[in-house]
Structure formats: C-alpha cells, structure tokens
Amino acid sequence: MAGSTSNSNVREQLILAGIEEINQYGLQGFSVRRIAAKCGVSCAAPYKHFEDRQSYFAAIIEYINGLWHDRQKAILTEVPDNTRKHLVEISLDYVRFLVENPHFRSIIMLKDEGFDSVYQNMRGQLSELSRGLIIRHCEEANIPENIAKRKIYIIRSLIYGAALMFDNGEMAYNDENMGFVEYSIDREFDLP
C-alpha cells in the first residue's frame, strides 16, 4: 500500500511539474526529460504513469477538472437548493479558482493546433455545471432559449473578465470587488 501512495505522489508531482512546463514552454516546448529532472526521477519514470505525451496532457486536464469538480460539489452541498443561488456561487468560486490558480489558467485557455478536440472537450467540462445551471434557471423562469444563450455568454464573460481584471491589477482581488462581481452575475438574471 505504501508503494501506491508513493506512486500517486510521484504522479501528482509529475502533473504539477507538467503544468509548470506548459506555462513556461507551451505544448511545443514540452519536455518530459526536463520534467523528470525537476521531479528528481529518471527520464523513464513519467512513462510509468503516462502512456505518452497525449495521455500526460489528458492527466493534467483531468487533474484540474478534478480539483474544480470537488470545489463545485462542496458548493452544491453547502448552498441551499436554489438554482439561481447555486449558479451565482459556482460562478463566484470559478472566478476565485481562476485567480488563485493562474498556472491552471494557461491550460484552461490553451489554444494550440496540437491540442485536438478531445482535449478541448475535456477542458470544456470545467464550465459544464455553470452552463447547465444557467439553462436550468432559464427554464425555471420561463426565459426563452435565445435569451438563455445570451445569458451563458454574459455570465461566462463576467467570470473570465473579472478573473483577468483581478489578475492584471485593474481591480484589487478583495471581498468588496468580489461583491461587485456577485451583484453583476446575480443581477443579470433580473434583466431581460
């Protein structure tokens, strides 16, 4: 059993080092050899955990998705069963997730020809719940489908825009400004 814990620790170290590698060098400059050296393992060690580069990339995305999924699950458990409230809280926490994990953001936003549709779909899973909550809320409020599509666009823009503004210093990342983001997201559902 101790070996499996050690293996999972090495796997997680390799994933985290892989995220840093992509942030620093992009997919084209991604070097498994350099990652192995950073983790203090042999050049062959990563291939004990990942079949090839593609499965390594998939593991990185799955790791990020898993962390976000766990956070969403906690919110859905803590917040009373109200679609709009779930939507607002999930959206706010996604802003926090993006701001507090800038090294994940480059993976989430990655646009590279070498990244095929499978990986784009995996990255899209990050927004699956919030998109579903917007659609459900619009159905519950009898909001037409074309307006629901616009709401998805606006809410997603508010999330990514807020994260970018916090990140580049246009707005201080504090409770007051997060309150402004919360108000903006919640208010969108009172607008036509």
C-alpha atoms as a PDB file:
ATOM      1  CA  MET A   1       0.000   0.000   0.000  1.00  0.00           C
ATOM      2  CA  ALA A   2       2.860   2.406   0.778  1.00  0.00           C
ATOM      3  CA  GLY A   3       4.124   1.937  -2.788  1.00  0.00           C
ATOM      4  CA  SER A   4       0.805   3.086  -4.267  1.00  0.00           C
ATOM      5  CA  THR A   5       0.859   6.216  -2.096  1.00  0.00           C
ATOM      6  CA  SER A   6       4.393   6.911  -3.250  1.00  0.00           C
ATOM      7  CA  ASN A   7       3.362   6.302  -6.879  1.00  0.00           C
ATOM      8  CA  SER A   8       0.382   8.650  -6.575  1.00  0.00           C
ATOM      9  CA  ASN A   9       2.652  11.303  -5.020  1.00  0.00           C
ATOM     10  CA  VAL A  10       5.108  10.952  -7.911  1.00  0.00           C
ATOM     11  CA  ARG A  11       2.239  11.083 -10.400  1.00  0.00           C
ATOM     12  CA  GLU A  12       0.889  14.277  -8.793  1.00  0.00           C
ATOM     13  CA  GLN A  13       4.399  15.791  -8.724  1.00  0.00           C
ATOM     14  CA  LEU A  14       4.741  14.993 -12.419  1.00  0.00           C
ATOM     15  CA  ILE A  15       1.348  16.544 -13.186  1.00  0.00           C
ATOM     16  CA  LEU A  16       2.183  19.735 -11.267  1.00  0.00           C
ATOM     17  CA  ALA A  17       5.583  19.931 -12.951  1.00  0.00           C
ATOM     18  CA  GLY A  18       3.841  19.335 -16.293  1.00  0.00           C
ATOM     19  CA  ILE A  19       1.554  22.304 -15.625  1.00  0.00           C
ATOM     20  CA  GLU A  20       4.602  24.479 -14.897  1.00  0.00           C
ATOM     21  CA  GLU A  21       6.285  23.163 -18.031  1.00  0.00           C
ATOM     22  CA  ILE A  22       3.316  24.086 -20.228  1.00  0.00           C
ATOM     23  CA  ASN A  23       3.108  27.523 -18.597  1.00  0.00           C
ATOM     24  CA  GLN A  24       6.778  28.154 -19.242  1.00  0.00           C
ATOM     25  CA  TYR A  25       7.367  26.464 -22.619  1.00  0.00           C
ATOM     26  CA  GLY A  26       3.954  25.782 -24.147  1.00  0.00           C
ATOM     27  CA  LEU A  27       2.994  22.478 -25.717  1.00  0.00           C
ATOM     28  CA  GLN A  28       5.607  22.742 -28.447  1.00  0.00           C
ATOM     29  CA  GLY A  29       8.431  23.092 -25.917  1.00  0.00           C
ATOM     30  CA  PHE A  30       7.017  20.491 -23.503  1.00  0.00           C
ATOM     31  CA  SER A  31       9.916  18.288 -22.350  1.00  0.00           C
ATOM     32  CA  VAL A  32       9.279  15.126 -20.353  1.00  0.00           C
ATOM     33  CA  ARG A  33      13.031  14.901 -19.732  1.00  0.00           C
ATOM     34  CA  ARG A  34      13.084  18.365 -18.143  1.00  0.00           C
ATOM     35  CA  ILE A  35      10.041  17.492 -16.010  1.00  0.00           C
ATOM     36  CA  ALA A  36      11.673  14.274 -14.812  1.00  0.00           C
ATOM     37  CA  ALA A  37      14.783  16.234 -13.812  1.00  0.00           C
ATOM     38  CA  LYS A  38      12.656  18.773 -11.881  1.00  0.00           C
ATOM     39  CA  CYS A  39      10.953  15.931 -10.014  1.00  0.00           C
ATOM     40  CA  GLY A  40      14.200  14.098  -9.347  1.00  0.00           C
ATOM     41  CA  VAL A  41      13.140  10.935 -11.183  1.00  0.00           C
ATOM     42  CA  SER A  42      14.586   9.064 -14.121  1.00  0.00           C
ATOM     43  CA  CYS A  43      13.639  10.021 -17.689  1.00  0.00           C
ATOM     44  CA  ALA A  44      11.661   6.778 -17.923  1.00  0.00           C
ATOM     45  CA  ALA A  45       9.665   7.384 -14.708  1.00  0.00           C
ATOM     46  CA  PRO A  46       6.975   9.601 -16.291  1.00  0.00           C
ATOM     47  CA  TYR A  47       6.170   6.816 -18.747  1.00  0.00           C
ATOM     48  CA  LYS A  48       5.306   4.539 -15.818  1.00  0.00           C
ATOM     49  CA  HIS A  49       2.454   6.975 -15.086  1.00  0.00           C
ATOM     50  CA  PHE A  50       1.545   8.227 -18.567  1.00  0.00           C
ATOM     51  CA  GLU A  51       1.476   6.200 -21.760  1.00  0.00           C
ATOM     52  CA  ASP A  52       2.684   9.076 -23.939  1.00  0.00           C
ATOM     53  CA  ARG A  53       2.604  12.876 -24.203  1.00  0.00           C
ATOM     54  CA  GLN A  54      -1.105  12.865 -25.107  1.00  0.00           C
ATOM     55  CA  SER A  55      -2.059  10.846 -22.032  1.00  0.00           C
ATOM     56  CA  TYR A  56       0.185  13.140 -19.961  1.00  0.00           C
ATOM     57  CA  PHE A  57      -1.737  16.185 -21.256  1.00  0.00           C
ATOM     58  CA  ALA A  58      -5.023  14.385 -20.586  1.00  0.00           C
ATOM     59  CA  ALA A  59      -3.917  13.642 -16.996  1.00  0.00           C
ATOM     60  CA  ILE A  60      -3.099  17.325 -16.462  1.00  0.00           C
ATOM     61  CA  ILE A  61      -6.539  18.389 -17.659  1.00  0.00           C
ATOM     62  CA  GLU A  62      -8.225  15.641 -15.616  1.00  0.00           C
ATOM     63  CA  TYR A  63      -6.312  16.836 -12.551  1.00  0.00           C
ATOM     64  CA  ILE A  64      -7.526  20.422 -12.981  1.00  0.00           C
ATOM     65  CA  ASN A  65     -11.070  19.208 -13.721  1.00  0.00           C
ATOM     66  CA  GLY A  66     -10.975  17.062 -10.571  1.00  0.00           C
ATOM     67  CA  LEU A  67      -9.946  19.971  -8.354  1.00  0.00           C
ATOM     68  CA  TRP A  68     -12.697  22.167  -9.802  1.00  0.00           C
ATOM     69  CA  HIS A  69     -15.257  19.357  -9.579  1.00  0.00           C
ATOM     70  CA  ASP A  70     -14.503  18.904  -5.859  1.00  0.00           C
ATOM     71  CA  ARG A  71     -14.992  22.622  -5.230  1.00  0.00           C
ATOM     72  CA  GLN A  72     -18.297  22.640  -7.122  1.00  0.00           C
ATOM     73  CA  LYS A  73     -19.533  19.617  -5.189  1.00  0.00           C
ATOM     74  CA  ALA A  74     -18.775  21.370  -1.888  1.00  0.00           C
ATOM     75  CA  ILE A  75     -20.699  24.469  -3.002  1.00  0.00           C
ATOM     76  CA  LEU A  76     -23.733  22.453  -4.095  1.00  0.00           C
ATOM     77  CA  THR A  77     -23.715  20.746  -0.692  1.00  0.00           C
ATOM     78  CA  GLU A  78     -23.296  23.940   1.345  1.00  0.00           C
ATOM     79  CA  VAL A  79     -25.683  26.246  -0.536  1.00  0.00           C
ATOM     80  CA  PRO A  80     -29.451  25.754  -0.140  1.00  0.00           C
ATOM     81  CA  ASP A  81     -31.159  24.010  -3.045  1.00  0.00           C
ATOM     82  CA  ASN A  82     -31.837  27.041  -5.221  1.00  0.00           C
ATOM     83  CA  THR A  83     -30.716  27.034  -8.860  1.00  0.00           C
ATOM     84  CA  ARG A  84     -30.022  30.758  -9.055  1.00  0.00           C
ATOM     85  CA  LYS A  85     -28.059  30.766  -5.794  1.00  0.00           C
ATOM     86  CA  HIS A  86     -26.080  27.703  -6.945  1.00  0.00           C
ATOM     87  CA  LEU A  87     -25.344  29.457 -10.221  1.00  0.00           C
ATOM     88  CA  VAL A  88     -24.114  32.636  -8.547  1.00  0.00           C
ATOM     89  CA  GLU A  89     -21.970  30.763  -6.003  1.00  0.00           C
ATOM     90  CA  ILE A  90     -20.455  28.436  -8.622  1.00  0.00           C
ATOM     91  CA  SER A  91     -19.681  31.455 -10.840  1.00  0.00           C
ATOM     92  CA  LEU A  92     -18.021  33.333  -7.971  1.00  0.00           C
ATOM     93  CA  ASP A  93     -15.959  30.342  -6.998  1.00  0.00           C
ATOM     94  CA  TYR A  94     -14.870  29.867 -10.609  1.00  0.00           C
ATOM     95  CA  VAL A  95     -13.518  33.430 -10.533  1.00  0.00           C
ATOM     96  CA  ARG A  96     -11.656  32.538  -7.320  1.00  0.00           C
ATOM     97  CA  PHE A  97     -10.390  29.282  -8.860  1.00  0.00           C
ATOM     98  CA  LEU A  98      -9.023  31.147 -11.900  1.00  0.00           C
ATOM     99  CA  VAL A  99      -7.440  33.939  -9.840  1.00  0.00           C
ATOM    100  CA  GLU A 100      -5.947  31.670  -7.185  1.00  0.00           C
ATOM    101  CA  ASN A 101      -4.594  29.195  -9.754  1.00  0.00           C
ATOM    102  CA  PRO A 102      -3.096  31.282 -12.558  1.00  0.00           C
ATOM    103  CA  HIS A 103      -0.915  28.316 -13.534  1.00  0.00           C
ATOM    104  CA  PHE A 104      -4.116  26.379 -14.355  1.00  0.00           C
ATOM    105  CA  ARG A 105      -5.479  29.206 -16.441  1.00  0.00           C
ATOM    106  CA  SER A 106      -2.929  28.714 -19.203  1.00  0.00           C
ATOM    107  CA  ILE A 107      -4.119  25.106 -19.565  1.00  0.00           C
ATOM    108  CA  ILE A 108      -7.785  26.099 -19.449  1.00  0.00           C
ATOM    109  CA  MET A 109      -7.281  28.824 -22.072  1.00  0.00           C
ATOM    110  CA  LEU A 110      -4.769  26.909 -24.180  1.00  0.00           C
ATOM    111  CA  LYS A 111      -5.244  27.297 -27.903  1.00  0.00           C
ATOM    112  CA  ASP A 112      -2.868  25.097 -29.845  1.00  0.00           C
ATOM    113  CA  GLU A 113      -3.245  23.170 -33.085  1.00  0.00           C
ATOM    114  CA  GLY A 114      -1.616  20.177 -31.401  1.00  0.00           C
ATOM    115  CA  PHE A 115      -4.446  20.068 -28.908  1.00  0.00           C
ATOM    116  CA  ASP A 116      -7.174  18.104 -30.637  1.00  0.00           C
ATOM    117  CA  SER A 117     -10.905  18.211 -29.970  1.00  0.00           C
ATOM    118  CA  VAL A 118     -10.682  15.538 -27.256  1.00  0.00           C
ATOM    119  CA  TYR A 119      -8.680  17.877 -25.047  1.00  0.00           C
ATOM    120  CA  GLN A 120     -10.896  20.846 -25.885  1.00  0.00           C
ATOM    121  CA  ASN A 121     -13.891  18.790 -24.762  1.00  0.00           C
ATOM    122  CA  MET A 122     -12.102  17.823 -21.545  1.00  0.00           C
ATOM    123  CA  ARG A 123     -11.320  21.474 -20.816  1.00  0.00           C
ATOM    124  CA  GLY A 124     -14.937  22.340 -21.581  1.00  0.00           C
ATOM    125  CA  GLN A 125     -16.002  20.162 -18.663  1.00  0.00           C
ATOM    126  CA  LEU A 126     -14.883  22.970 -16.349  1.00  0.00           C
ATOM    127  CA  SER A 127     -17.850  25.089 -17.408  1.00  0.00           C
ATOM    128  CA  GLU A 128     -20.364  22.275 -17.857  1.00  0.00           C
ATOM    129  CA  LEU A 129     -22.072  22.727 -14.477  1.00  0.00           C
ATOM    130  CA  SER A 130     -22.403  26.501 -14.699  1.00  0.00           C
ATOM    131  CA  ARG A 131     -23.757  26.256 -18.247  1.00  0.00           C
ATOM    132  CA  GLY A 132     -26.272  23.646 -17.069  1.00  0.00           C
ATOM    133  CA  LEU A 133     -27.320  25.807 -14.113  1.00  0.00           C
ATOM    134  CA  ILE A 134     -27.906  28.801 -16.391  1.00  0.00           C
ATOM    135  CA  ILE A 135     -30.056  26.681 -18.697  1.00  0.00           C
ATOM    136  CA  ARG A 136     -31.995  25.193 -15.759  1.00  0.00           C
ATOM    137  CA  HIS A 137     -32.584  28.599 -14.191  1.00  0.00           C
ATOM    138  CA  CYS A 138     -33.782  29.996 -17.523  1.00  0.00           C
ATOM    139  CA  GLU A 139     -36.172  27.058 -17.916  1.00  0.00           C
ATOM    140  CA  GLU A 140     -37.481  27.534 -14.370  1.00  0.00           C
ATOM    141  CA  ALA A 141     -38.000  31.261 -15.047  1.00  0.00           C
ATOM    142  CA  ASN A 142     -39.537  30.634 -18.500  1.00  0.00           C
ATOM    143  CA  ILE A 143     -36.736  32.553 -20.214  1.00  0.00           C
ATOM    144  CA  PRO A 144     -36.601  31.787 -23.962  1.00  0.00           C
ATOM    145  CA  GLU A 145     -33.729  29.695 -25.322  1.00  0.00           C
ATOM    146  CA  ASN A 146     -32.207  32.532 -27.370  1.00  0.00           C
ATOM    147  CA  ILE A 147     -32.005  34.709 -24.242  1.00  0.00           C
ATOM    148  CA  ALA A 148     -30.586  31.772 -22.256  1.00  0.00           C
ATOM    149  CA  LYS A 149     -27.764  31.524 -24.819  1.00  0.00           C
ATOM    150  CA  ARG A 150     -27.051  35.216 -24.346  1.00  0.00           C
ATOM    151  CA  LYS A 151     -27.064  34.752 -20.565  1.00  0.00           C
ATOM    152  CA  ILE A 152     -24.483  31.955 -20.887  1.00  0.00           C
ATOM    153  CA  TYR A 153     -22.272  34.300 -22.904  1.00  0.00           C
ATOM    154  CA  ILE A 154     -22.690  37.199 -20.463  1.00  0.00           C
ATOM    155  CA  ILE A 155     -22.089  35.138 -17.316  1.00  0.00           C
ATOM    156  CA  ARG A 156     -19.021  33.451 -18.843  1.00  0.00           C
ATOM    157  CA  SER A 157     -17.738  36.892 -19.904  1.00  0.00           C
ATOM    158  CA  LEU A 158     -18.246  38.235 -16.388  1.00  0.00           C
ATOM    159  CA  ILE A 159     -16.334  35.283 -14.911  1.00  0.00           C
ATOM    160  CA  TYR A 160     -13.364  35.468 -17.273  1.00  0.00           C
ATOM    161  CA  GLY A 161     -13.367  39.273 -17.355  1.00  0.00           C
ATOM    162  CA  ALA A 162     -13.324  39.533 -13.562  1.00  0.00           C
ATOM    163  CA  ALA A 163     -10.521  36.968 -13.292  1.00  0.00           C
ATOM    164  CA  LEU A 164      -8.475  38.866 -15.889  1.00  0.00           C
ATOM    165  CA  MET A 165      -9.100  42.237 -14.226  1.00  0.00           C
ATOM    166  CA  PHE A 166      -8.075  40.839 -10.833  1.00  0.00           C
ATOM    167  CA  ASP A 167      -5.039  39.198 -12.371  1.00  0.00           C
ATOM    168  CA  ASN A 168      -3.735  42.261 -14.200  1.00  0.00           C
ATOM    169  CA  GLY A 169      -4.393  44.621 -11.281  1.00  0.00           C
ATOM    170  CA  GLU A 170      -7.264  46.616 -12.807  1.00  0.00           C
ATOM    171  CA  MET A 171      -9.294  45.646  -9.743  1.00  0.00           C
ATOM    172  CA  ALA A 172      -7.986  44.597  -6.355  1.00  0.00           C
ATOM    173  CA  TYR A 173      -8.822  40.992  -5.533  1.00  0.00           C
ATOM    174  CA  ASN A 174     -10.797  41.618  -2.351  1.00  0.00           C
ATOM    175  CA  ASP A 175     -14.193  40.994  -0.772  1.00  0.00           C
ATOM    176  CA  GLU A 176     -15.611  44.337  -1.910  1.00  0.00           C
ATOM    177  CA  ASN A 177     -14.825  43.701  -5.566  1.00  0.00           C
ATOM    178  CA  MET A 178     -15.959  40.082  -5.348  1.00  0.00           C
ATOM    179  CA  GLY A 179     -19.223  41.525  -4.030  1.00  0.00           C
ATOM    180  CA  PHE A 180     -19.414  43.665  -7.158  1.00  0.00           C
ATOM    181  CA  VAL A 181     -18.884  40.555  -9.310  1.00  0.00           C
ATOM    182  CA  GLU A 182     -21.575  38.709  -7.334  1.00  0.00           C
ATOM    183  CA  TYR A 183     -24.024  41.586  -7.780  1.00  0.00           C
ATOM    184  CA  SER A 184     -23.320  41.725 -11.535  1.00  0.00           C
ATOM    185  CA  ILE A 185     -23.828  37.989 -12.026  1.00  0.00           C
ATOM    186  CA  ASP A 186     -26.983  37.838  -9.905  1.00  0.00           C
ATOM    187  CA  ARG A 187     -28.444  40.998 -11.468  1.00  0.00           C
ATOM    188  CA  GLU A 188     -28.064  39.549 -14.967  1.00  0.00           C
ATOM    189  CA  PHE A 189     -30.993  37.240 -14.219  1.00  0.00           C
ATOM    190  CA  ASP A 190     -33.257  40.183 -13.429  1.00  0.00           C
ATOM    191  CA  LEU A 191     -32.543  41.707 -16.827  1.00  0.00           C
ATOM    192  CA  PRO A 192     -34.469  40.797 -19.998  1.00  0.00           C
END
